[in-house]
Amino acid sequence: MKIAIYGAGAIGGHLGALLARDGVDVSLIARGAHLAVIQKDGLTLQQDGQEPFTVRPNATDDPSTLGPQDYVVVSLKSHQAPGVVDAMQPLLGPATTVATAMNGVPWWYFYKLAGPYENHRVMSVDPDGTQWDGIGPERAVGCITYVAAEVIAPGVVKSGGSGRYFIGEPDGTLSDRCNRFAEMVNKTGIVARVRDDLRKDLWLKIMGNSAFNPTGALTLATVGEMINDPEVEAQLRLIMEEVTAVGRALGAEPSETADYRIENSRKNAMPHKSSMLQDLERGRMMEVNQIIGAARELGRLVGVPTPTIDTVFALIRLRARIGGMLPE
């Protein structure tokens, strides 16, 4: 089985290192200094409570050298994904599965969703339909990742633990391709579960993303610092409740409540910085439209008011624009 990870940063590097350690035929697509170090010295994974290890998988910035894959795991920043669709084409054979392991609402969200919005395109995520048309929603499976990881130096990924994956088909079937992917991921130590209603899990992830990511970037606070400030925690809850209302209107209320999401973060993610804050600190483009803008867009689609989301979206969009970190 051949697997390519498109975007071997924090999440992709974490998965790639674990798969390579297990002897899976995995190729990493990366760039810049991170790629150069991986090619020269290998990829090192530091996991809390475990000995660091280094692997030397195939790594490149040219997908055309790899040929068709059984699975392509896209773990880029969401705003980067449309720009690599052309370069991805050599990886896509007739039976290739594309697992989207990115923040925010996935571009395929409305594929095979029965009802008035079936095949609707999410403009905040895929504004020109590049992913829908160039990858094809029939290739896509969802992959929700809960991994606290970051690239701490070129060629070095640090993780708070093995993490959890939720995997599922857009139409809810328990397919062979999802089961095979989950089995392979489970062997690495990541807990992977195949779900028959992944959209409910997606809204739970969107709930956290929409609250913690922009608020963290605006306040420069860790998850724990945000939760432990009563006034900020109240705002986080408002965002989560608005996200819940949008998901409910689309027939997929999040699988847990805002209370659960906050208390779970209180237990498991206290010192963690949101990915948007990490991007801000490194001067990187921020997933503003794809994370909180998409929740806002879908609220308008279904007629659900999102006043707190609207306010936070306006503030973080301006912050990103002023810093030159808003993808256009």
C-alpha atoms as a PDB file:
ATOM      1  CA  MET A   1       0.000   0.000   0.000  1.00  0.00           C
ATOM      2  CA  LYS A   2       1.333   3.420  -0.995  1.00  0.00           C
ATOM      3  CA  ILE A   3       0.503   6.545   0.969  1.00  0.00           C
ATOM      4  CA  ALA A   4       1.483  10.142   0.285  1.00  0.00           C
ATOM      5  CA  ILE A   5       1.114  12.833   2.915  1.00  0.00           C
ATOM      6  CA  TYR A   6       0.671  16.188   1.232  1.00  0.00           C
ATOM      7  CA  GLY A   7       1.859  18.686   3.808  1.00  0.00           C
ATOM      8  CA  ALA A   8       4.256  17.015   6.246  1.00  0.00           C
ATOM      9  CA  GLY A   9       4.131  19.729   8.886  1.00  0.00           C
ATOM     10  CA  ALA A  10       2.786  19.217  12.409  1.00  0.00           C
ATOM     11  CA  ILE A  11      -0.145  16.852  11.745  1.00  0.00           C
ATOM     12  CA  GLY A  12       1.218  15.311   8.562  1.00  0.00           C
ATOM     13  CA  GLY A  13       4.717  14.931   9.982  1.00  0.00           C
ATOM     14  CA  HIS A  14       3.341  13.273  13.108  1.00  0.00           C
ATOM     15  CA  LEU A  15       1.399  10.718  11.054  1.00  0.00           C
ATOM     16  CA  GLY A  16       4.210  10.248   8.540  1.00  0.00           C
ATOM     17  CA  ALA A  17       6.794   9.538  11.209  1.00  0.00           C
ATOM     18  CA  LEU A  18       4.594   6.952  12.905  1.00  0.00           C
ATOM     19  CA  LEU A  19       3.704   5.228   9.622  1.00  0.00           C
ATOM     20  CA  ALA A  20       7.341   5.151   8.520  1.00  0.00           C
ATOM     21  CA  ARG A  21       8.372   3.644  11.852  1.00  0.00           C
ATOM     22  CA  ASP A  22       5.841   0.864  11.185  1.00  0.00           C
ATOM     23  CA  GLY A  23       7.363   0.154   7.779  1.00  0.00           C
ATOM     24  CA  VAL A  24       4.506   1.602   5.706  1.00  0.00           C
ATOM     25  CA  ASP A  25       5.422   2.797   2.202  1.00  0.00           C
ATOM     26  CA  VAL A  26       4.813   6.468   2.962  1.00  0.00           C
ATOM     27  CA  SER A  27       6.077   9.503   1.063  1.00  0.00           C
ATOM     28  CA  LEU A  28       6.136  13.010   2.502  1.00  0.00           C
ATOM     29  CA  ILE A  29       5.517  16.103   0.408  1.00  0.00           C
ATOM     30  CA  ALA A  30       7.039  19.116   2.099  1.00  0.00           C
ATOM     31  CA  ARG A  31       9.047  22.197   1.231  1.00  0.00           C
ATOM     32  CA  GLY A  32      11.768  24.592   2.333  1.00  0.00           C
ATOM     33  CA  ALA A  33      14.114  24.028   5.233  1.00  0.00           C
ATOM     34  CA  HIS A  34      11.823  21.398   6.742  1.00  0.00           C
ATOM     35  CA  LEU A  35      12.097  19.280   3.593  1.00  0.00           C
ATOM     36  CA  ALA A  36      15.853  19.826   3.328  1.00  0.00           C
ATOM     37  CA  VAL A  37      16.447  18.532   6.853  1.00  0.00           C
ATOM     38  CA  ILE A  38      14.147  15.530   6.346  1.00  0.00           C
ATOM     39  CA  GLN A  39      15.996  14.609   3.159  1.00  0.00           C
ATOM     40  CA  LYS A  40      19.406  15.008   4.812  1.00  0.00           C
ATOM     41  CA  ASP A  41      18.904  13.833   8.398  1.00  0.00           C
ATOM     42  CA  GLY A  42      15.433  12.294   8.532  1.00  0.00           C
ATOM     43  CA  LEU A  43      12.246  13.293  10.345  1.00  0.00           C
ATOM     44  CA  THR A  44      12.340  13.293  14.157  1.00  0.00           C
ATOM     45  CA  LEU A  45       9.226  12.900  16.281  1.00  0.00           C
ATOM     46  CA  GLN A  46       9.243  13.876  19.935  1.00  0.00           C
ATOM     47  CA  GLN A  47       6.193  12.563  21.812  1.00  0.00           C
ATOM     48  CA  ASP A  48       5.565  13.354  25.457  1.00  0.00           C
ATOM     49  CA  GLY A  49       6.463  10.413  27.646  1.00  0.00           C
ATOM     50  CA  GLN A  50       8.288   8.524  24.889  1.00  0.00           C
ATOM     51  CA  GLU A  51      11.787   8.381  23.490  1.00  0.00           C
ATOM     52  CA  PRO A  52      12.257  10.553  20.380  1.00  0.00           C
ATOM     53  CA  PHE A  53      12.888   8.647  17.183  1.00  0.00           C
ATOM     54  CA  THR A  54      14.020   9.496  13.674  1.00  0.00           C
ATOM     55  CA  VAL A  55      12.798   7.958  10.425  1.00  0.00           C
ATOM     56  CA  ARG A  56      13.926   8.462   6.856  1.00  0.00           C
ATOM     57  CA  PRO A  57      10.896   8.165   4.565  1.00  0.00           C
ATOM     58  CA  ASN A  58      10.928   9.299   0.979  1.00  0.00           C
ATOM     59  CA  ALA A  59      10.440  13.087   1.005  1.00  0.00           C
ATOM     60  CA  THR A  60      10.039  15.454  -1.932  1.00  0.00           C
ATOM     61  CA  ASP A  61       8.504  18.711  -3.118  1.00  0.00           C
ATOM     62  CA  ASP A  62       7.670  17.166  -6.517  1.00  0.00           C
ATOM     63  CA  PRO A  63       4.605  14.871  -6.410  1.00  0.00           C
ATOM     64  CA  SER A  64       5.166  13.834 -10.022  1.00  0.00           C
ATOM     65  CA  THR A  65       8.085  11.650  -8.868  1.00  0.00           C
ATOM     66  CA  LEU A  66       5.816   9.463  -6.729  1.00  0.00           C
ATOM     67  CA  GLY A  67       3.158   8.123  -9.095  1.00  0.00           C
ATOM     68  CA  PRO A  68      -0.414   7.079  -8.201  1.00  0.00           C
ATOM     69  CA  GLN A  69      -1.089   6.361  -4.535  1.00  0.00           C
ATOM     70  CA  ASP A  70      -3.615   4.247  -2.678  1.00  0.00           C
ATOM     71  CA  TYR A  71      -4.186   7.095  -0.206  1.00  0.00           C
ATOM     72  CA  VAL A  72      -3.299  10.768  -0.265  1.00  0.00           C
ATOM     73  CA  VAL A  73      -3.622  12.432   3.131  1.00  0.00           C
ATOM     74  CA  VAL A  74      -3.951  16.188   2.689  1.00  0.00           C
ATOM     75  CA  SER A  75      -2.729  17.859   5.871  1.00  0.00           C
ATOM     76  CA  LEU A  76      -1.983  21.307   4.530  1.00  0.00           C
ATOM     77  CA  LYS A  77      -3.362  24.532   5.894  1.00  0.00           C
ATOM     78  CA  SER A  78      -6.849  24.796   4.414  1.00  0.00           C
ATOM     79  CA  HIS A  79      -6.044  27.925   2.435  1.00  0.00           C
ATOM     80  CA  GLN A  80      -3.115  26.151   0.751  1.00  0.00           C
ATOM     81  CA  ALA A  81      -5.100  23.185  -0.507  1.00  0.00           C
ATOM     82  CA  PRO A  82      -6.698  24.678  -3.656  1.00  0.00           C
ATOM     83  CA  GLY A  83      -3.264  25.759  -4.872  1.00  0.00           C
ATOM     84  CA  VAL A  84      -1.826  22.223  -4.972  1.00  0.00           C
ATOM     85  CA  VAL A  85      -4.640  20.475  -6.843  1.00  0.00           C
ATOM     86  CA  ASP A  86      -2.797  20.621 -10.173  1.00  0.00           C
ATOM     87  CA  ALA A  87       0.441  19.372  -8.618  1.00  0.00           C
ATOM     88  CA  MET A  88      -1.507  16.566  -6.913  1.00  0.00           C
ATOM     89  CA  GLN A  89      -2.771  15.052 -10.156  1.00  0.00           C
ATOM     90  CA  PRO A  90       0.090  12.519 -10.638  1.00  0.00           C
ATOM     91  CA  LEU A  91      -0.837  11.016  -7.261  1.00  0.00           C
ATOM     92  CA  LEU A  92      -4.440  10.353  -8.254  1.00  0.00           C
ATOM     93  CA  GLY A  93      -5.117   6.986  -9.843  1.00  0.00           C
ATOM     94  CA  PRO A  94      -8.536   5.468 -10.556  1.00  0.00           C
ATOM     95  CA  ALA A  95      -8.820   4.032  -7.036  1.00  0.00           C
ATOM     96  CA  THR A  96      -6.984   6.700  -5.023  1.00  0.00           C
ATOM     97  CA  THR A  97      -8.654   7.838  -1.799  1.00  0.00           C
ATOM     98  CA  VAL A  98      -8.031  11.410  -0.642  1.00  0.00           C
ATOM     99  CA  ALA A  99      -8.330  11.887   3.126  1.00  0.00           C
ATOM    100  CA  THR A 100      -8.841  15.517   4.108  1.00  0.00           C
ATOM    101  CA  ALA A 101      -7.091  16.124   7.433  1.00  0.00           C
ATOM    102  CA  MET A 102      -7.496  19.884   7.654  1.00  0.00           C
ATOM    103  CA  ASN A 103      -9.178  22.440   9.872  1.00  0.00           C
ATOM    104  CA  GLY A 104     -12.581  23.916   9.164  1.00  0.00           C
ATOM    105  CA  VAL A 105     -15.502  22.841   7.017  1.00  0.00           C
ATOM    106  CA  PRO A 106     -14.274  20.390   4.336  1.00  0.00           C
ATOM    107  CA  TRP A 107     -14.783  21.329   0.697  1.00  0.00           C
ATOM    108  CA  TRP A 108     -16.805  18.129   0.096  1.00  0.00           C
ATOM    109  CA  TYR A 109     -19.202  18.767   3.008  1.00  0.00           C
ATOM    110  CA  PHE A 110     -22.411  18.805   0.945  1.00  0.00           C
ATOM    111  CA  TYR A 111     -21.520  15.820  -1.267  1.00  0.00           C
ATOM    112  CA  LYS A 112     -24.236  13.171  -0.944  1.00  0.00           C
ATOM    113  CA  LEU A 113     -25.972  15.198   1.756  1.00  0.00           C
ATOM    114  CA  ALA A 114     -29.643  14.519   1.098  1.00  0.00           C
ATOM    115  CA  GLY A 115     -31.805  17.609   1.063  1.00  0.00           C
ATOM    116  CA  PRO A 116     -31.920  21.090  -0.440  1.00  0.00           C
ATOM    117  CA  TYR A 117     -28.185  21.763  -0.141  1.00  0.00           C
ATOM    118  CA  GLU A 118     -26.838  18.595  -1.775  1.00  0.00           C
ATOM    119  CA  ASN A 119     -23.649  19.358  -3.763  1.00  0.00           C
ATOM    120  CA  HIS A 120     -23.587  22.978  -2.561  1.00  0.00           C
ATOM    121  CA  ARG A 121     -20.061  24.447  -2.752  1.00  0.00           C
ATOM    122  CA  VAL A 122     -18.499  26.075   0.333  1.00  0.00           C
ATOM    123  CA  MET A 123     -17.011  29.275  -1.045  1.00  0.00           C
ATOM    124  CA  SER A 124     -14.927  30.118   2.029  1.00  0.00           C
ATOM    125  CA  VAL A 125     -13.033  26.851   1.620  1.00  0.00           C
ATOM    126  CA  ASP A 126     -13.029  26.205  -2.130  1.00  0.00           C
ATOM    127  CA  PRO A 127     -13.892  29.541  -3.754  1.00  0.00           C
ATOM    128  CA  ASP A 128     -13.355  28.476  -7.364  1.00  0.00           C
ATOM    129  CA  GLY A 129     -14.410  24.844  -6.997  1.00  0.00           C
ATOM    130  CA  THR A 130     -10.813  23.817  -7.633  1.00  0.00           C
ATOM    131  CA  GLN A 131     -10.814  20.935  -5.159  1.00  0.00           C
ATOM    132  CA  TRP A 132     -14.304  19.725  -6.009  1.00  0.00           C
ATOM    133  CA  ASP A 133     -13.535  19.653  -9.735  1.00  0.00           C
ATOM    134  CA  GLY A 134      -9.843  18.709  -9.599  1.00  0.00           C
ATOM    135  CA  ILE A 135      -9.938  15.998  -6.932  1.00  0.00           C
ATOM    136  CA  GLY A 136     -13.549  14.873  -7.135  1.00  0.00           C
ATOM    137  CA  PRO A 137     -15.785  14.403  -4.092  1.00  0.00           C
ATOM    138  CA  GLU A 138     -16.134  10.700  -4.879  1.00  0.00           C
ATOM    139  CA  ARG A 139     -12.441  10.293  -3.901  1.00  0.00           C
ATOM    140  CA  ALA A 140     -12.815  12.105  -0.583  1.00  0.00           C
ATOM    141  CA  VAL A 141     -13.129  10.728   2.923  1.00  0.00           C
ATOM    142  CA  GLY A 142     -13.099  12.849   6.040  1.00  0.00           C
ATOM    143  CA  CYS A 143     -10.303  12.619   8.578  1.00  0.00           C
ATOM    144  CA  ILE A 144     -10.725  14.638  11.767  1.00  0.00           C
ATOM    145  CA  THR A 145      -7.527  14.829  13.779  1.00  0.00           C
ATOM    146  CA  TYR A 146      -7.091  15.580  17.460  1.00  0.00           C
ATOM    147  CA  VAL A 147      -3.323  15.845  17.806  1.00  0.00           C
ATOM    148  CA  ALA A 148      -1.507  18.574  19.741  1.00  0.00           C
ATOM    149  CA  ALA A 149       1.579  18.892  17.552  1.00  0.00           C
ATOM    150  CA  GLU A 150       3.891  21.530  16.124  1.00  0.00           C
ATOM    151  CA  VAL A 151       7.065  21.745  14.079  1.00  0.00           C
ATOM    152  CA  ILE A 152       9.595  23.024  16.618  1.00  0.00           C
ATOM    153  CA  ALA A 153      12.537  23.056  14.212  1.00  0.00           C
ATOM    154  CA  PRO A 154      13.083  22.005  10.600  1.00  0.00           C
ATOM    155  CA  GLY A 155      12.777  18.243  10.512  1.00  0.00           C
ATOM    156  CA  VAL A 156      11.495  18.003  14.101  1.00  0.00           C
ATOM    157  CA  VAL A 157       7.846  17.550  15.145  1.00  0.00           C
ATOM    158  CA  LYS A 158       6.804  17.637  18.796  1.00  0.00           C
ATOM    159  CA  SER A 159       3.539  16.069  19.938  1.00  0.00           C
ATOM    160  CA  GLY A 160       1.680  15.929  23.216  1.00  0.00           C
ATOM    161  CA  GLY A 161       0.734  12.299  22.540  1.00  0.00           C
ATOM    162  CA  SER A 162      -0.451   9.861  19.921  1.00  0.00           C
ATOM    163  CA  GLY A 163      -3.839  11.548  19.369  1.00  0.00           C
ATOM    164  CA  ARG A 164      -7.188  10.481  17.913  1.00  0.00           C
ATOM    165  CA  TYR A 165      -8.603  10.324  14.372  1.00  0.00           C
ATOM    166  CA  PHE A 166     -12.234  10.131  13.289  1.00  0.00           C
ATOM    167  CA  ILE A 167     -12.599   8.816   9.729  1.00  0.00           C
ATOM    168  CA  GLY A 168     -15.731   8.614   7.620  1.00  0.00           C
ATOM    169  CA  GLU A 169     -17.436   8.638   4.254  1.00  0.00           C
ATOM    170  CA  PRO A 170     -19.533  11.623   3.149  1.00  0.00           C
ATOM    171  CA  ASP A 171     -22.545   9.301   2.731  1.00  0.00           C
ATOM    172  CA  GLY A 172     -22.041   7.570   6.093  1.00  0.00           C
ATOM    173  CA  THR A 173     -21.279   4.091   4.752  1.00  0.00           C
ATOM    174  CA  LEU A 174     -18.733   1.997   6.633  1.00  0.00           C
ATOM    175  CA  SER A 175     -16.560   1.447   3.581  1.00  0.00           C
ATOM    176  CA  ASP A 176     -13.605  -0.861   3.050  1.00  0.00           C
ATOM    177  CA  ARG A 177     -11.372   2.088   2.212  1.00  0.00           C
ATOM    178  CA  CYS A 178     -12.142   3.809   5.511  1.00  0.00           C
ATOM    179  CA  ASN A 179     -11.674   0.577   7.458  1.00  0.00           C
ATOM    180  CA  ARG A 180      -8.310  -0.104   5.804  1.00  0.00           C
ATOM    181  CA  PHE A 181      -7.105   3.411   6.485  1.00  0.00           C
ATOM    182  CA  ALA A 182      -8.237   3.274  10.125  1.00  0.00           C
ATOM    183  CA  GLU A 183      -6.586  -0.105  10.636  1.00  0.00           C
ATOM    184  CA  MET A 184      -3.285   1.232   9.327  1.00  0.00           C
ATOM    185  CA  VAL A 185      -3.494   4.348  11.503  1.00  0.00           C
ATOM    186  CA  ASN A 186      -4.430   2.342  14.604  1.00  0.00           C
ATOM    187  CA  LYS A 187      -1.271   0.269  14.258  1.00  0.00           C
ATOM    188  CA  THR A 188       0.794   3.412  14.802  1.00  0.00           C
ATOM    189  CA  GLY A 189      -0.703   4.033  18.246  1.00  0.00           C
ATOM    190  CA  ILE A 190      -3.128   6.726  17.100  1.00  0.00           C
ATOM    191  CA  VAL A 191      -6.684   5.814  18.078  1.00  0.00           C
ATOM    192  CA  ALA A 192      -8.645   5.835  14.796  1.00  0.00           C
ATOM    193  CA  ARG A 193     -12.388   5.245  14.614  1.00  0.00           C
ATOM    194  CA  VAL A 194     -14.583   4.898  11.536  1.00  0.00           C
ATOM    195  CA  ARG A 195     -17.803   6.869  11.947  1.00  0.00           C
ATOM    196  CA  ASP A 196     -21.164   6.493  10.230  1.00  0.00           C
ATOM    197  CA  ASP A 197     -22.123  10.162  10.728  1.00  0.00           C
ATOM    198  CA  LEU A 198     -18.880  12.094  10.498  1.00  0.00           C
ATOM    199  CA  ARG A 199     -20.627  15.439  10.068  1.00  0.00           C
ATOM    200  CA  LYS A 200     -21.618  15.424  13.748  1.00  0.00           C
ATOM    201  CA  ASP A 201     -17.957  14.942  14.652  1.00  0.00           C
ATOM    202  CA  LEU A 202     -16.972  17.625  12.161  1.00  0.00           C
ATOM    203  CA  TRP A 203     -19.210  20.160  13.883  1.00  0.00           C
ATOM    204  CA  LEU A 204     -17.624  19.296  17.215  1.00  0.00           C
ATOM    205  CA  LYS A 205     -14.197  20.019  15.706  1.00  0.00           C
ATOM    206  CA  ILE A 206     -15.499  23.178  14.006  1.00  0.00           C
ATOM    207  CA  MET A 207     -16.907  24.246  17.370  1.00  0.00           C
ATOM    208  CA  GLY A 208     -13.448  24.172  18.927  1.00  0.00           C
ATOM    209  CA  ASN A 209     -11.673  25.570  15.885  1.00  0.00           C
ATOM    210  CA  SER A 210     -14.025  28.534  15.555  1.00  0.00           C
ATOM    211  CA  ALA A 211     -13.710  29.429  19.233  1.00  0.00           C
ATOM    212  CA  PHE A 212     -10.126  28.696  20.231  1.00  0.00           C
ATOM    213  CA  ASN A 213      -8.256  29.540  17.018  1.00  0.00           C
ATOM    214  CA  PRO A 214      -9.237  33.175  16.384  1.00  0.00           C
ATOM    215  CA  THR A 215      -9.595  33.998  20.083  1.00  0.00           C
ATOM    216  CA  GLY A 216      -6.142  32.615  20.771  1.00  0.00           C
ATOM    217  CA  ALA A 217      -4.651  34.662  17.950  1.00  0.00           C
ATOM    218  CA  LEU A 218      -6.408  37.818  19.140  1.00  0.00           C
ATOM    219  CA  THR A 219      -5.407  37.401  22.792  1.00  0.00           C
ATOM    220  CA  LEU A 220      -2.074  35.570  22.359  1.00  0.00           C
ATOM    221  CA  ALA A 221      -3.370  33.140  24.992  1.00  0.00           C
ATOM    222  CA  THR A 222      -3.058  29.382  25.312  1.00  0.00           C
ATOM    223  CA  VAL A 223      -6.194  27.265  25.501  1.00  0.00           C
ATOM    224  CA  GLY A 224      -5.829  27.061  29.257  1.00  0.00           C
ATOM    225  CA  GLU A 225      -5.429  30.796  29.687  1.00  0.00           C
ATOM    226  CA  MET A 226      -8.567  31.415  27.649  1.00  0.00           C
ATOM    227  CA  ILE A 227     -10.643  28.880  29.566  1.00  0.00           C
ATOM    228  CA  ASN A 228      -9.445  30.147  32.939  1.00  0.00           C
ATOM    229  CA  ASP A 229     -10.555  33.710  32.191  1.00  0.00           C
ATOM    230  CA  PRO A 230     -14.299  33.726  33.005  1.00  0.00           C
ATOM    231  CA  GLU A 231     -15.191  36.515  30.559  1.00  0.00           C
ATOM    232  CA  VAL A 232     -13.247  34.940  27.701  1.00  0.00           C
ATOM    233  CA  GLU A 233     -14.684  31.529  28.507  1.00  0.00           C
ATOM    234  CA  ALA A 234     -18.163  33.044  28.209  1.00  0.00           C
ATOM    235  CA  GLN A 235     -17.329  34.327  24.726  1.00  0.00           C
ATOM    236  CA  LEU A 236     -15.957  30.936  23.724  1.00  0.00           C
ATOM    237  CA  ARG A 237     -19.250  29.374  24.786  1.00  0.00           C
ATOM    238  CA  LEU A 238     -21.236  31.873  22.715  1.00  0.00           C
ATOM    239  CA  ILE A 239     -19.204  30.994  19.621  1.00  0.00           C
ATOM    240  CA  MET A 240     -19.669  27.287  20.267  1.00  0.00           C
ATOM    241  CA  GLU A 241     -23.409  27.671  20.770  1.00  0.00           C
ATOM    242  CA  GLU A 242     -23.719  29.553  17.472  1.00  0.00           C
ATOM    243  CA  VAL A 243     -21.730  26.828  15.693  1.00  0.00           C
ATOM    244  CA  THR A 244     -24.010  24.230  17.274  1.00  0.00           C
ATOM    245  CA  ALA A 245     -27.068  26.046  15.956  1.00  0.00           C
ATOM    246  CA  VAL A 246     -25.640  26.092  12.419  1.00  0.00           C
ATOM    247  CA  GLY A 247     -24.808  22.390  12.528  1.00  0.00           C
ATOM    248  CA  ARG A 248     -28.273  21.628  13.897  1.00  0.00           C
ATOM    249  CA  ALA A 249     -29.900  23.562  11.054  1.00  0.00           C
ATOM    250  CA  LEU A 250     -27.954  21.407   8.626  1.00  0.00           C
ATOM    251  CA  GLY A 251     -29.118  18.224  10.348  1.00  0.00           C
ATOM    252  CA  ALA A 252     -25.824  17.499  12.093  1.00  0.00           C
ATOM    253  CA  GLU A 253     -25.810  18.835  15.624  1.00  0.00           C
ATOM    254  CA  PRO A 254     -22.322  18.399  17.132  1.00  0.00           C
ATOM    255  CA  SER A 255     -21.768  15.064  18.831  1.00  0.00           C
ATOM    256  CA  GLU A 256     -21.086  16.799  22.164  1.00  0.00           C
ATOM    257  CA  THR A 257     -22.091  20.062  23.857  1.00  0.00           C
ATOM    258  CA  ALA A 258     -20.133  23.271  24.341  1.00  0.00           C
ATOM    259  CA  ASP A 259     -19.740  22.311  28.010  1.00  0.00           C
ATOM    260  CA  TYR A 260     -18.132  19.033  26.993  1.00  0.00           C
ATOM    261  CA  ARG A 261     -15.831  20.731  24.484  1.00  0.00           C
ATOM    262  CA  ILE A 262     -14.593  23.251  27.030  1.00  0.00           C
ATOM    263  CA  GLU A 263     -14.184  20.759  29.866  1.00  0.00           C
ATOM    264  CA  ASN A 264     -12.393  18.305  27.599  1.00  0.00           C
ATOM    265  CA  SER A 265      -9.981  21.071  26.598  1.00  0.00           C
ATOM    266  CA  ARG A 266      -9.549  21.986  30.255  1.00  0.00           C
ATOM    267  CA  LYS A 267      -8.337  18.431  30.896  1.00  0.00           C
ATOM    268  CA  ASN A 268      -6.296  17.799  27.756  1.00  0.00           C
ATOM    269  CA  ALA A 269      -5.160  20.990  26.014  1.00  0.00           C
ATOM    270  CA  MET A 270      -4.369  23.540  28.721  1.00  0.00           C
ATOM    271  CA  PRO A 271      -0.841  24.619  27.646  1.00  0.00           C
ATOM    272  CA  HIS A 272      -1.520  24.209  23.927  1.00  0.00           C
ATOM    273  CA  LYS A 273      -1.422  27.168  21.552  1.00  0.00           C
ATOM    274  CA  SER A 274      -4.000  27.145  18.785  1.00  0.00           C
ATOM    275  CA  SER A 275      -2.711  26.612  15.263  1.00  0.00           C
ATOM    276  CA  MET A 276      -3.809  30.126  14.326  1.00  0.00           C
ATOM    277  CA  LEU A 277      -1.741  31.586  17.167  1.00  0.00           C
ATOM    278  CA  GLN A 278       1.220  29.474  16.085  1.00  0.00           C
ATOM    279  CA  ASP A 279       0.823  30.872  12.562  1.00  0.00           C
ATOM    280  CA  LEU A 280       0.606  34.429  13.896  1.00  0.00           C
ATOM    281  CA  GLU A 281       3.793  33.997  15.917  1.00  0.00           C
ATOM    282  CA  ARG A 282       5.638  32.638  12.883  1.00  0.00           C
ATOM    283  CA  GLY A 283       4.288  35.254  10.465  1.00  0.00           C
ATOM    284  CA  ARG A 284       2.430  32.661   8.389  1.00  0.00           C
ATOM    285  CA  MET A 285      -0.845  32.956   6.521  1.00  0.00           C
ATOM    286  CA  MET A 286      -3.819  32.307   8.788  1.00  0.00           C
ATOM    287  CA  GLU A 287      -6.861  30.103   8.107  1.00  0.00           C
ATOM    288  CA  VAL A 288      -9.348  32.872   8.807  1.00  0.00           C
ATOM    289  CA  ASN A 289     -11.911  32.251   6.049  1.00  0.00           C
ATOM    290  CA  GLN A 290     -11.568  28.485   6.193  1.00  0.00           C
ATOM    291  CA  ILE A 291     -12.069  28.147   9.955  1.00  0.00           C
ATOM    292  CA  ILE A 292     -14.397  30.840  11.241  1.00  0.00           C
ATOM    293  CA  GLY A 293     -15.444  32.357   7.905  1.00  0.00           C
ATOM    294  CA  ALA A 294     -16.914  29.045   6.756  1.00  0.00           C
ATOM    295  CA  ALA A 295     -19.029  28.741   9.907  1.00  0.00           C
ATOM    296  CA  ARG A 296     -20.258  32.278   9.251  1.00  0.00           C
ATOM    297  CA  GLU A 297     -21.007  31.467   5.594  1.00  0.00           C
ATOM    298  CA  LEU A 298     -23.056  28.396   6.470  1.00  0.00           C
ATOM    299  CA  GLY A 299     -24.948  30.331   9.125  1.00  0.00           C
ATOM    300  CA  ARG A 300     -26.076  32.702   6.410  1.00  0.00           C
ATOM    301  CA  LEU A 301     -26.940  29.790   4.135  1.00  0.00           C
ATOM    302  CA  VAL A 302     -29.383  28.319   6.654  1.00  0.00           C
ATOM    303  CA  GLY A 303     -30.582  31.616   8.152  1.00  0.00           C
ATOM    304  CA  VAL A 304     -29.021  31.164  11.599  1.00  0.00           C
ATOM    305  CA  PRO A 305     -27.759  34.395  13.249  1.00  0.00           C
ATOM    306  CA  THR A 306     -24.089  34.294  14.297  1.00  0.00           C
ATOM    307  CA  PRO A 307     -23.411  37.655  15.996  1.00  0.00           C
ATOM    308  CA  THR A 308     -20.440  36.551  18.105  1.00  0.00           C
ATOM    309  CA  ILE A 309     -18.858  34.715  15.201  1.00  0.00           C
ATOM    310  CA  ASP A 310     -19.397  37.786  13.011  1.00  0.00           C
ATOM    311  CA  THR A 311     -17.584  40.020  15.524  1.00  0.00           C
ATOM    312  CA  VAL A 312     -14.639  37.688  16.034  1.00  0.00           C
ATOM    313  CA  PHE A 313     -14.388  37.066  12.286  1.00  0.00           C
ATOM    314  CA  ALA A 314     -14.177  40.811  11.571  1.00  0.00           C
ATOM    315  CA  LEU A 315     -11.489  41.296  14.228  1.00  0.00           C
ATOM    316  CA  ILE A 316      -9.274  38.355  13.261  1.00  0.00           C
ATOM    317  CA  ARG A 317      -9.629  39.101   9.549  1.00  0.00           C
ATOM    318  CA  LEU A 318      -8.383  42.661  10.119  1.00  0.00           C
ATOM    319  CA  ARG A 319      -5.571  41.396  12.362  1.00  0.00           C
ATOM    320  CA  ALA A 320      -4.467  38.993   9.671  1.00  0.00           C
ATOM    321  CA  ARG A 321      -4.771  41.604   6.917  1.00  0.00           C
ATOM    322  CA  ILE A 322      -2.699  44.165   8.813  1.00  0.00           C
ATOM    323  CA  GLY A 323       0.000  41.539   9.428  1.00  0.00           C
ATOM    324  CA  GLY A 324       0.006  40.455   5.776  1.00  0.00           C
ATOM    325  CA  MET A 325      -1.241  37.028   6.844  1.00  0.00           C
ATOM    326  CA  LEU A 326      -4.646  36.924   5.165  1.00  0.00           C
ATOM    327  CA  PRO A 327      -4.621  34.731   2.034  1.00  0.00           C
ATOM    328  CA  GLU A 328      -6.307  36.530  -0.855  1.00  0.00           C
END
